[in-house]
Amino acid sequence: MEPQKVLIHVRFAPDGSTVEISERPKALTPHEWFNTLSEKAGMAYQALSGGRGVFRLTADEVEALKAEATPTAA
């Protein structure tokens, strides 16, 4: 059985900036989180109409990307 997928929803402004994105770590802006996901999991992205899109990842992949993208306090 394939692991359950998590959908990360993205909404864009008309100028292409990222307005909203789910599962975003608090330390990152929406556009920084979108860039991180695009660089690390771009093949999991699906563009939708109306300035929207989704990333389809497993929960483990999402947690790993969050941990990698979030700087830890020294």
PDB file of N, CA and C in Angstrom:
ATOM      1  N   MET A   1       0.842  -1.185   0.000  1.00  0.00           N
ATOM      2  CA  MET A   1       0.000   0.000   0.000  1.00  0.00           C
ATOM      3  C   MET A   1       0.888   1.251   0.000  1.00  0.00           C
ATOM      4  N   GLU A   2       0.558   2.198  -0.842  1.00  0.00           N
ATOM      5  CA  GLU A   2       1.331   3.434  -0.959  1.00  0.00           C
ATOM      6  C   GLU A   2       1.046   4.345   0.235  1.00  0.00           C
ATOM      7  N   PRO A   3       2.091   5.029   0.764  1.00  0.00           N
ATOM      8  CA  PRO A   3       1.877   5.938   1.902  1.00  0.00           C
ATOM      9  C   PRO A   3       0.896   7.046   1.541  1.00  0.00           C
ATOM     10  N   GLN A   4       0.156   7.488   2.544  1.00  0.00           N
ATOM     11  CA  GLN A   4      -0.805   8.576   2.373  1.00  0.00           C
ATOM     12  C   GLN A   4      -0.082   9.849   1.938  1.00  0.00           C
ATOM     13  N   LYS A   5      -0.609  10.542   0.950  1.00  0.00           N
ATOM     14  CA  LYS A   5      -0.009  11.782   0.455  1.00  0.00           C
ATOM     15  C   LYS A   5      -0.581  12.985   1.209  1.00  0.00           C
ATOM     16  N   VAL A   6       0.276  13.965   1.444  1.00  0.00           N
ATOM     17  CA  VAL A   6      -0.118  15.244   2.019  1.00  0.00           C
ATOM     18  C   VAL A   6      -0.153  16.243   0.873  1.00  0.00           C
ATOM     19  N   LEU A   7      -1.231  17.013   0.765  1.00  0.00           N
ATOM     20  CA  LEU A   7      -1.325  18.040  -0.262  1.00  0.00           C
ATOM     21  C   LEU A   7      -0.928  19.381   0.350  1.00  0.00           C
ATOM     22  N   ILE A   8       0.067  20.005  -0.232  1.00  0.00           N
ATOM     23  CA  ILE A   8       0.476  21.345   0.189  1.00  0.00           C
ATOM     24  C   ILE A   8      -0.074  22.303  -0.862  1.00  0.00           C
ATOM     25  N   HIS A   9      -1.052  23.097  -0.455  1.00  0.00           N
ATOM     26  CA  HIS A   9      -1.729  24.016  -1.365  1.00  0.00           C
ATOM     27  C   HIS A   9      -0.968  25.332  -1.440  1.00  0.00           C
ATOM     28  N   VAL A  10      -0.868  25.871  -2.661  1.00  0.00           N
ATOM     29  CA  VAL A  10      -0.166  27.133  -2.916  1.00  0.00           C
ATOM     30  C   VAL A  10      -1.110  28.066  -3.659  1.00  0.00           C
ATOM     31  N   ARG A  11      -1.103  29.341  -3.246  1.00  0.00           N
ATOM     32  CA  ARG A  11      -1.845  30.379  -3.978  1.00  0.00           C
ATOM     33  C   ARG A  11      -0.879  31.482  -4.355  1.00  0.00           C
ATOM     34  N   PHE A  12      -1.006  31.972  -5.588  1.00  0.00           N
ATOM     35  CA  PHE A  12      -0.119  33.003  -6.103  1.00  0.00           C
ATOM     36  C   PHE A  12      -0.879  34.291  -6.385  1.00  0.00           C
ATOM     37  N   ALA A  13      -0.184  35.417  -6.237  1.00  0.00           N
ATOM     38  CA  ALA A  13      -0.715  36.720  -6.626  1.00  0.00           C
ATOM     39  C   ALA A  13      -0.542  36.872  -8.136  1.00  0.00           C
ATOM     40  N   PRO A  14      -1.240  37.827  -8.750  1.00  0.00           N
ATOM     41  CA  PRO A  14      -1.079  38.036 -10.194  1.00  0.00           C
ATOM     42  C   PRO A  14       0.363  38.332 -10.622  1.00  0.00           C
ATOM     43  N   ASP A  15       1.180  38.878  -9.713  1.00  0.00           N
ATOM     44  CA  ASP A  15       2.577  39.167 -10.067  1.00  0.00           C
ATOM     45  C   ASP A  15       3.492  37.954  -9.897  1.00  0.00           C
ATOM     46  N   GLY A  16       2.941  36.802  -9.508  1.00  0.00           N
ATOM     47  CA  GLY A  16       3.721  35.578  -9.372  1.00  0.00           C
ATOM     48  C   GLY A  16       4.273  35.325  -7.985  1.00  0.00           C
ATOM     49  N   SER A  17       4.095  36.270  -7.072  1.00  0.00           N
ATOM     50  CA  SER A  17       4.582  36.045  -5.706  1.00  0.00           C
ATOM     51  C   SER A  17       3.662  35.051  -4.992  1.00  0.00           C
ATOM     52  N   THR A  18       4.208  34.355  -4.023  1.00  0.00           N
ATOM     53  CA  THR A  18       3.451  33.356  -3.272  1.00  0.00           C
ATOM     54  C   THR A  18       2.680  34.051  -2.165  1.00  0.00           C
ATOM     55  N   VAL A  19       1.356  33.926  -2.181  1.00  0.00           N
ATOM     56  CA  VAL A  19       0.490  34.568  -1.192  1.00  0.00           C
ATOM     57  C   VAL A  19       0.281  33.661   0.009  1.00  0.00           C
ATOM     58  N   GLU A  20      -0.067  32.407  -0.250  1.00  0.00           N
ATOM     59  CA  GLU A  20      -0.329  31.437   0.812  1.00  0.00           C
ATOM     60  C   GLU A  20       0.248  30.091   0.416  1.00  0.00           C
ATOM     61  N   ILE A  21       0.722  29.352   1.419  1.00  0.00           N
ATOM     62  CA  ILE A  21       1.186  27.984   1.192  1.00  0.00           C
ATOM     63  C   ILE A  21       1.040  27.218   2.502  1.00  0.00           C
ATOM     64  N   SER A  22       0.485  26.041   2.437  1.00  0.00           N
ATOM     65  CA  SER A  22       0.243  25.265   3.656  1.00  0.00           C
ATOM     66  C   SER A  22       1.507  24.560   4.132  1.00  0.00           C
ATOM     67  N   GLU A  23       1.464  24.108   5.372  1.00  0.00           N
ATOM     68  CA  GLU A  23       2.573  23.367   6.004  1.00  0.00           C
ATOM     69  C   GLU A  23       3.857  24.184   6.125  1.00  0.00           C
ATOM     70  N   ARG A  24       3.745  25.510   6.068  1.00  0.00           N
ATOM     71  CA  ARG A  24       4.933  26.373   6.074  1.00  0.00           C
ATOM     72  C   ARG A  24       5.511  26.516   7.480  1.00  0.00           C
ATOM     73  N   PRO A  25       6.826  26.298   7.625  1.00  0.00           N
ATOM     74  CA  PRO A  25       7.470  26.574   8.913  1.00  0.00           C
ATOM     75  C   PRO A  25       7.388  28.076   9.207  1.00  0.00           C
ATOM     76  N   LYS A  26       7.178  28.433  10.453  1.00  0.00           N
ATOM     77  CA  LYS A  26       7.025  29.843  10.835  1.00  0.00           C
ATOM     78  C   LYS A  26       8.256  30.684  10.500  1.00  0.00           C
ATOM     79  N   ALA A  27       9.424  30.071  10.452  1.00  0.00           N
ATOM     80  CA  ALA A  27      10.667  30.797  10.191  1.00  0.00           C
ATOM     81  C   ALA A  27      10.811  31.231   8.731  1.00  0.00           C
ATOM     82  N   LEU A  28       9.971  30.707   7.845  1.00  0.00           N
ATOM     83  CA  LEU A  28      10.091  31.011   6.421  1.00  0.00           C
ATOM     84  C   LEU A  28       8.911  31.831   5.919  1.00  0.00           C
ATOM     85  N   THR A  29       9.171  32.692   4.939  1.00  0.00           N
ATOM     86  CA  THR A  29       8.075  33.397   4.270  1.00  0.00           C
ATOM     87  C   THR A  29       7.391  32.415   3.323  1.00  0.00           C
ATOM     88  N   PRO A  30       6.180  32.733   2.866  1.00  0.00           N
ATOM     89  CA  PRO A  30       5.530  31.834   1.914  1.00  0.00           C
ATOM     90  C   PRO A  30       6.389  31.572   0.672  1.00  0.00           C
ATOM     91  N   HIS A  31       7.044  32.602   0.145  1.00  0.00           N
ATOM     92  CA  HIS A  31       7.835  32.411  -1.066  1.00  0.00           C
ATOM     93  C   HIS A  31       9.102  31.592  -0.789  1.00  0.00           C
ATOM     94  N   GLU A  32       9.713  31.753   0.387  1.00  0.00           N
ATOM     95  CA  GLU A  32      10.884  30.940   0.738  1.00  0.00           C
ATOM     96  C   GLU A  32      10.508  29.463   0.832  1.00  0.00           C
ATOM     97  N   TRP A  33       9.345  29.166   1.426  1.00  0.00           N
ATOM     98  CA  TRP A  33       8.891  27.783   1.548  1.00  0.00           C
ATOM     99  C   TRP A  33       8.586  27.210   0.159  1.00  0.00           C
ATOM    100  N   PHE A  34       7.944  28.002  -0.703  1.00  0.00           N
ATOM    101  CA  PHE A  34       7.683  27.551  -2.070  1.00  0.00           C
ATOM    102  C   PHE A  34       8.995  27.262  -2.797  1.00  0.00           C
ATOM    103  N   ASN A  35       9.973  28.141  -2.665  1.00  0.00           N
ATOM    104  CA  ASN A  35      11.266  27.920  -3.319  1.00  0.00           C
ATOM    105  C   ASN A  35      11.945  26.652  -2.810  1.00  0.00           C
ATOM    106  N   THR A  36      11.887  26.423  -1.496  1.00  0.00           N
ATOM    107  CA  THR A  36      12.470  25.219  -0.910  1.00  0.00           C
ATOM    108  C   THR A  36      11.808  23.968  -1.487  1.00  0.00           C
ATOM    109  N   LEU A  37      10.479  23.967  -1.511  1.00  0.00           N
ATOM    110  CA  LEU A  37       9.759  22.815  -2.049  1.00  0.00           C
ATOM    111  C   LEU A  37      10.047  22.637  -3.533  1.00  0.00           C
ATOM    112  N   SER A  38      10.122  23.733  -4.268  1.00  0.00           N
ATOM    113  CA  SER A  38      10.401  23.649  -5.709  1.00  0.00           C
ATOM    114  C   SER A  38      11.778  23.062  -5.981  1.00  0.00           C
ATOM    115  N   GLU A  39      12.759  23.470  -5.179  1.00  0.00           N
ATOM    116  CA  GLU A  39      14.126  22.976  -5.363  1.00  0.00           C
ATOM    117  C   GLU A  39      14.263  21.510  -4.969  1.00  0.00           C
ATOM    118  N   LYS A  40      13.624  21.122  -3.876  1.00  0.00           N
ATOM    119  CA  LYS A  40      13.813  19.773  -3.324  1.00  0.00           C
ATOM    120  C   LYS A  40      12.778  18.757  -3.800  1.00  0.00           C
ATOM    121  N   ALA A  41      11.576  19.232  -4.175  1.00  0.00           N
ATOM    122  CA  ALA A  41      10.492  18.305  -4.534  1.00  0.00           C
ATOM    123  C   ALA A  41       9.686  18.824  -5.718  1.00  0.00           C
ATOM    124  N   GLY A  42      10.363  19.441  -6.662  1.00  0.00           N
ATOM    125  CA  GLY A  42       9.687  20.039  -7.802  1.00  0.00           C
ATOM    126  C   GLY A  42       8.869  19.063  -8.633  1.00  0.00           C
ATOM    127  N   MET A  43       9.301  17.808  -8.682  1.00  0.00           N
ATOM    128  CA  MET A  43       8.570  16.808  -9.465  1.00  0.00           C
ATOM    129  C   MET A  43       7.225  16.444  -8.827  1.00  0.00           C
ATOM    130  N   ALA A  44       7.020  16.838  -7.573  1.00  0.00           N
ATOM    131  CA  ALA A  44       5.762  16.544  -6.879  1.00  0.00           C
ATOM    132  C   ALA A  44       4.757  17.688  -7.027  1.00  0.00           C
ATOM    133  N   TYR A  45       5.114  18.727  -7.805  1.00  0.00           N
ATOM    134  CA  TYR A  45       4.257  19.901  -7.960  1.00  0.00           C
ATOM    135  C   TYR A  45       3.326  19.748  -9.149  1.00  0.00           C
ATOM    136  N   GLN A  46       2.080  20.194  -8.955  1.00  0.00           N
ATOM    137  CA  GLN A  46       1.098  20.213 -10.033  1.00  0.00           C
ATOM    138  C   GLN A  46       0.490  21.606 -10.095  1.00  0.00           C
ATOM    139  N   ALA A  47       0.643  22.284 -11.227  1.00  0.00           N
ATOM    140  CA  ALA A  47       0.036  23.596 -11.422  1.00  0.00           C
ATOM    141  C   ALA A  47      -1.461  23.431 -11.652  1.00  0.00           C
ATOM    142  N   LEU A  48      -2.230  24.325 -11.055  1.00  0.00           N
ATOM    143  CA  LEU A  48      -3.681  24.334 -11.233  1.00  0.00           C
ATOM    144  C   LEU A  48      -4.092  25.684 -11.812  1.00  0.00           C
ATOM    145  N   SER A  49      -5.328  25.807 -12.229  1.00  0.00           N
ATOM    146  CA  SER A  49      -5.809  27.070 -12.779  1.00  0.00           C
ATOM    147  C   SER A  49      -6.057  28.084 -11.666  1.00  0.00           C
ATOM    148  N   GLY A  50      -6.153  29.334 -12.043  1.00  0.00           N
ATOM    149  CA  GLY A  50      -6.507  30.382 -11.084  1.00  0.00           C
ATOM    150  C   GLY A  50      -5.387  30.770 -10.145  1.00  0.00           C
ATOM    151  N   GLY A  51      -4.139  30.601 -10.563  1.00  0.00           N
ATOM    152  CA  GLY A  51      -3.024  30.993  -9.710  1.00  0.00           C
ATOM    153  C   GLY A  51      -2.833  30.096  -8.506  1.00  0.00           C
ATOM    154  N   ARG A  52      -3.074  28.811  -8.690  1.00  0.00           N
ATOM    155  CA  ARG A  52      -2.950  27.849  -7.595  1.00  0.00           C
ATOM    156  C   ARG A  52      -2.088  26.674  -8.023  1.00  0.00           C
ATOM    157  N   GLY A  53      -1.680  25.877  -7.050  1.00  0.00           N
ATOM    158  CA  GLY A  53      -0.942  24.658  -7.314  1.00  0.00           C
ATOM    159  C   GLY A  53      -0.880  23.808  -6.064  1.00  0.00           C
ATOM    160  N   VAL A  54      -0.429  22.571  -6.214  1.00  0.00           N
ATOM    161  CA  VAL A  54      -0.279  21.667  -5.070  1.00  0.00           C
ATOM    162  C   VAL A  54       1.004  20.856  -5.204  1.00  0.00           C
ATOM    163  N   PHE A  55       1.604  20.580  -4.068  1.00  0.00           N
ATOM    164  CA  PHE A  55       2.680  19.599  -3.971  1.00  0.00           C
ATOM    165  C   PHE A  55       2.060  18.365  -3.342  1.00  0.00           C
ATOM    166  N   ARG A  56       2.352  17.187  -3.873  1.00  0.00           N
ATOM    167  CA  ARG A  56       1.855  15.914  -3.322  1.00  0.00           C
ATOM    168  C   ARG A  56       3.054  15.152  -2.771  1.00  0.00           C
ATOM    169  N   LEU A  57       3.154  15.134  -1.443  1.00  0.00           N
ATOM    170  CA  LEU A  57       4.288  14.508  -0.767  1.00  0.00           C
ATOM    171  C   LEU A  57       3.781  13.616   0.360  1.00  0.00           C
ATOM    172  N   THR A  58       4.625  12.696   0.812  1.00  0.00           N
ATOM    173  CA  THR A  58       4.260  11.907   1.988  1.00  0.00           C
ATOM    174  C   THR A  58       4.505  12.760   3.233  1.00  0.00           C
ATOM    175  N   ALA A  59       3.892  12.381   4.333  1.00  0.00           N
ATOM    176  CA  ALA A  59       4.074  13.110   5.591  1.00  0.00           C
ATOM    177  C   ALA A  59       5.544  13.104   6.009  1.00  0.00           C
ATOM    178  N   ASP A  60       6.229  11.985   5.800  1.00  0.00           N
ATOM    179  CA  ASP A  60       7.656  11.902   6.145  1.00  0.00           C
ATOM    180  C   ASP A  60       8.485  12.866   5.308  1.00  0.00           C
ATOM    181  N   GLU A  61       8.171  12.978   4.025  1.00  0.00           N
ATOM    182  CA  GLU A  61       8.895  13.915   3.161  1.00  0.00           C
ATOM    183  C   GLU A  61       8.681  15.359   3.613  1.00  0.00           C
ATOM    184  N   VAL A  62       7.441  15.691   3.982  1.00  0.00           N
ATOM    185  CA  VAL A  62       7.140  17.051   4.440  1.00  0.00           C
ATOM    186  C   VAL A  62       7.923  17.361   5.706  1.00  0.00           C
ATOM    187  N   GLU A  63       7.919  16.448   6.654  1.00  0.00           N
ATOM    188  CA  GLU A  63       8.641  16.670   7.910  1.00  0.00           C
ATOM    189  C   GLU A  63      10.143  16.807   7.672  1.00  0.00           C
ATOM    190  N   ALA A  64      10.689  16.006   6.774  1.00  0.00           N
ATOM    191  CA  ALA A  64      12.118  16.095   6.467  1.00  0.00           C
ATOM    192  C   ALA A  64      12.455  17.435   5.823  1.00  0.00           C
ATOM    193  N   LEU A  65      11.610  17.900   4.920  1.00  0.00           N
ATOM    194  CA  LEU A  65      11.846  19.192   4.270  1.00  0.00           C
ATOM    195  C   LEU A  65      11.730  20.346   5.269  1.00  0.00           C
ATOM    196  N   LYS A  66      10.765  20.248   6.185  1.00  0.00           N
ATOM    197  CA  LYS A  66      10.626  21.281   7.224  1.00  0.00           C
ATOM    198  C   LYS A  66      11.873  21.326   8.092  1.00  0.00           C
ATOM    199  N   ALA A  67      12.350  20.159   8.505  1.00  0.00           N
ATOM    200  CA  ALA A  67      13.537  20.095   9.371  1.00  0.00           C
ATOM    201  C   ALA A  67      14.768  20.651   8.647  1.00  0.00           C
ATOM    202  N   GLU A  68      14.892  20.351   7.374  1.00  0.00           N
ATOM    203  CA  GLU A  68      16.025  20.819   6.594  1.00  0.00           C
ATOM    204  C   GLU A  68      15.971  22.340   6.362  1.00  0.00           C
ATOM    205  N   ALA A  69      14.775  22.866   6.190  1.00  0.00           N
ATOM    206  CA  ALA A  69      14.602  24.282   5.872  1.00  0.00           C
ATOM    207  C   ALA A  69      14.621  25.194   7.081  1.00  0.00           C
ATOM    208  N   THR A  70      14.371  24.631   8.268  1.00  0.00           N
ATOM    209  CA  THR A  70      14.282  25.442   9.474  1.00  0.00           C
ATOM    210  C   THR A  70      15.623  25.441  10.197  1.00  0.00           C
ATOM    211  N   PRO A  71      16.232  26.627  10.337  1.00  0.00           N
ATOM    212  CA  PRO A  71      17.505  26.690  11.065  1.00  0.00           C
ATOM    213  C   PRO A  71      17.289  26.389  12.550  1.00  0.00           C
ATOM    214  N   THR A  72      18.225  25.676  13.138  1.00  0.00           N
ATOM    215  CA  THR A  72      18.133  25.374  14.560  1.00  0.00           C
ATOM    216  C   THR A  72      18.912  26.403  15.355  1.00  0.00           C
ATOM    217  N   ALA A  73      18.451  26.680  16.558  1.00  0.00           N
ATOM    218  CA  ALA A  73      19.138  27.634  17.422  1.00  0.00           C
ATOM    219  C   ALA A  73      20.420  27.005  17.978  1.00  0.00           C
ATOM    220  N   ALA A  74      21.462  27.764  18.000  1.00  0.00           N
ATOM    221  CA  ALA A  74      22.751  27.235  18.483  1.00  0.00           C
ATOM    222  C   ALA A  74      22.895  27.445  19.961  1.00  0.00           C
TER     223      ALA A  74
END
